[in-house]
């Protein structure tokens, strides 16, 4: 997946907004809450960080090319960073990004969800 593909997919999710922050990371939010972070590593390869369920976190953190997300996971949050497509192809990544979006939407207030069209 290229950064343009990542941004294109995230932009298709209802209520999503985009900002470049934290040293050039492409951050996607819904209702002001982050659901995905993408950028390039030193070698120019894309990495994508996303929220996931407890079960998905436990499975993915052990997979080659994935790791607990720096900073977020160390604070007890269930976020994974896909660094390579070694064990997660682009289709699976899109599924996880969609699920991350859904998990964040569920935590929004009823009023915010209504305003965003959920």
Protein backbone atom coordinates (compact mmCIF):
# COMPACT_ATOMS: atom_id res chain seq x y z
CA UNK A 1 0.00 0.00 0.00
CA UNK A 2 1.24 3.45 -0.81
CA UNK A 3 0.56 6.52 1.30
CA UNK A 4 -1.85 7.80 -1.36
CA UNK A 5 -3.85 4.53 -1.15
CA UNK A 6 -3.95 4.76 2.63
CA UNK A 7 -5.17 8.36 2.52
CA UNK A 8 -7.71 7.53 -0.18
CA UNK A 9 -9.18 4.66 1.81
CA UNK A 10 -9.35 6.60 5.08
CA UNK A 11 -11.01 9.54 3.32
CA UNK A 12 -13.81 7.21 2.16
CA UNK A 13 -14.86 6.42 5.74
CA UNK A 14 -17.85 8.40 7.03
CA UNK A 15 -17.00 11.53 8.99
CA UNK A 16 -13.25 11.15 8.62
CA UNK A 17 -10.93 14.15 8.67
CA UNK A 18 -7.24 14.40 7.84
CA UNK A 19 -4.39 16.36 9.35
CA UNK A 20 -0.63 16.15 8.95
CA UNK A 21 1.00 16.45 12.37
CA UNK A 22 3.61 14.90 14.64
CA UNK A 23 6.51 15.34 12.27
CA UNK A 24 4.68 14.66 9.03
CA UNK A 25 2.39 11.78 10.03
CA UNK A 26 -0.89 11.51 8.12
CA UNK A 27 -3.44 11.35 10.94
CA UNK A 28 -7.07 10.38 10.33
CA UNK A 29 -9.75 11.22 12.85
CA UNK A 30 -13.48 10.81 13.29
CA UNK A 31 -15.27 13.12 15.69
CA UNK A 32 -11.89 14.59 16.61
CA UNK A 33 -10.56 11.19 17.76
CA UNK A 34 -7.66 9.44 16.01
CA UNK A 35 -8.35 6.13 14.27
CA UNK A 36 -5.29 5.81 12.00
CA UNK A 37 -1.78 7.19 11.65
CA UNK A 38 0.35 6.69 8.55
CA UNK A 39 3.74 7.78 7.41
CA UNK A 40 7.08 6.68 6.05
CA UNK A 41 9.98 5.13 7.90
CA UNK A 42 13.62 6.08 7.27
CA UNK A 43 13.78 3.74 4.27
CA UNK A 44 10.70 5.39 2.71
CA UNK A 45 8.37 2.46 3.37
CA UNK A 46 4.86 3.17 4.66
CA UNK A 47 3.82 2.28 8.18
CA UNK A 48 0.23 2.37 9.40
CA UNK A 49 -0.93 2.46 13.01
CA UNK A 50 -4.50 1.63 14.02
CA UNK A 51 -6.72 0.81 16.99
CA UNK A 52 -7.90 -2.78 17.31
CA UNK A 53 -9.81 -5.14 19.57
CA UNK A 54 -8.10 -6.90 22.47
CA UNK A 55 -8.10 -10.21 20.58
CA UNK A 56 -6.72 -8.70 17.37
CA UNK A 57 -4.03 -6.92 19.38
CA UNK A 58 -2.94 -10.16 21.05
CA UNK A 59 -2.69 -11.93 17.68
CA UNK A 60 -1.17 -9.11 15.60
CA UNK A 61 1.55 -8.08 18.07
CA UNK A 62 3.17 -11.48 17.45
CA UNK A 63 3.01 -11.36 13.64
CA UNK A 64 6.05 -10.55 11.48
CA UNK A 65 5.82 -6.99 10.15
CA UNK A 66 3.53 -5.83 12.97
CA UNK A 67 4.28 -4.55 16.45
CA UNK A 68 2.55 -2.82 19.34
CA UNK A 69 2.32 0.83 18.36
CA UNK A 70 5.09 2.94 19.83
CA UNK A 71 3.88 5.33 22.55
CA UNK A 72 0.22 4.21 22.36
CA UNK A 73 0.66 0.56 23.34
CA UNK A 74 3.07 1.47 26.11
CA UNK A 75 0.20 3.39 27.70
CA UNK A 76 -2.10 0.38 27.69
CA UNK A 77 -3.93 1.21 24.48
CA UNK A 78 -4.61 -1.56 21.95
CA UNK A 79 -2.93 -0.08 18.88
CA UNK A 80 -0.87 -1.98 16.30
CA UNK A 81 1.64 -0.63 13.81
CA UNK A 82 1.94 -2.49 10.51
CA UNK A 83 5.48 -1.89 9.32
CA UNK A 84 5.53 -4.31 6.39
CA UNK A 85 3.04 -6.44 4.48
CA UNK A 86 4.87 -9.61 5.56
CA UNK A 87 1.87 -11.03 7.45
CA UNK A 88 -0.89 -8.50 6.63
CA UNK A 89 -1.74 -7.72 3.03
CA UNK A 90 -3.35 -4.46 1.91
CA UNK A 91 -6.87 -5.92 1.88
CA UNK A 92 -6.52 -7.03 5.51
CA UNK A 93 -5.05 -3.63 6.39
CA UNK A 94 -8.12 -1.91 4.91
CA UNK A 95 -10.33 -4.21 7.01
CA UNK A 96 -8.41 -3.29 10.16
CA UNK A 97 -8.58 0.43 9.32
CA UNK A 98 -12.34 0.14 8.86
CA UNK A 99 -12.62 -1.66 12.20
CA UNK A 100 -10.46 0.99 13.88
CA UNK A 101 -12.81 3.65 12.54
CA UNK A 102 -15.81 1.69 13.85
CA UNK A 103 -14.24 1.23 17.31
CA UNK A 104 -13.56 4.95 17.61
CA UNK A 105 -17.07 5.86 16.43
CA UNK A 106 -18.53 3.61 19.14
CA UNK A 107 -16.73 5.69 21.80
CA UNK A 108 -18.13 9.01 20.53
CA UNK A 109 -21.10 10.60 22.26
CA UNK A 110 -24.55 9.95 20.82
CA UNK A 111 -24.77 13.62 19.86
CA UNK A 112 -21.45 13.53 17.98
CA UNK A 113 -22.41 10.31 16.18
CA UNK A 114 -25.69 11.89 15.14
CA UNK A 115 -23.94 15.05 13.88
CA UNK A 116 -21.57 12.88 11.81
CA UNK A 117 -24.42 10.90 10.27
CA UNK A 118 -24.13 7.63 12.18
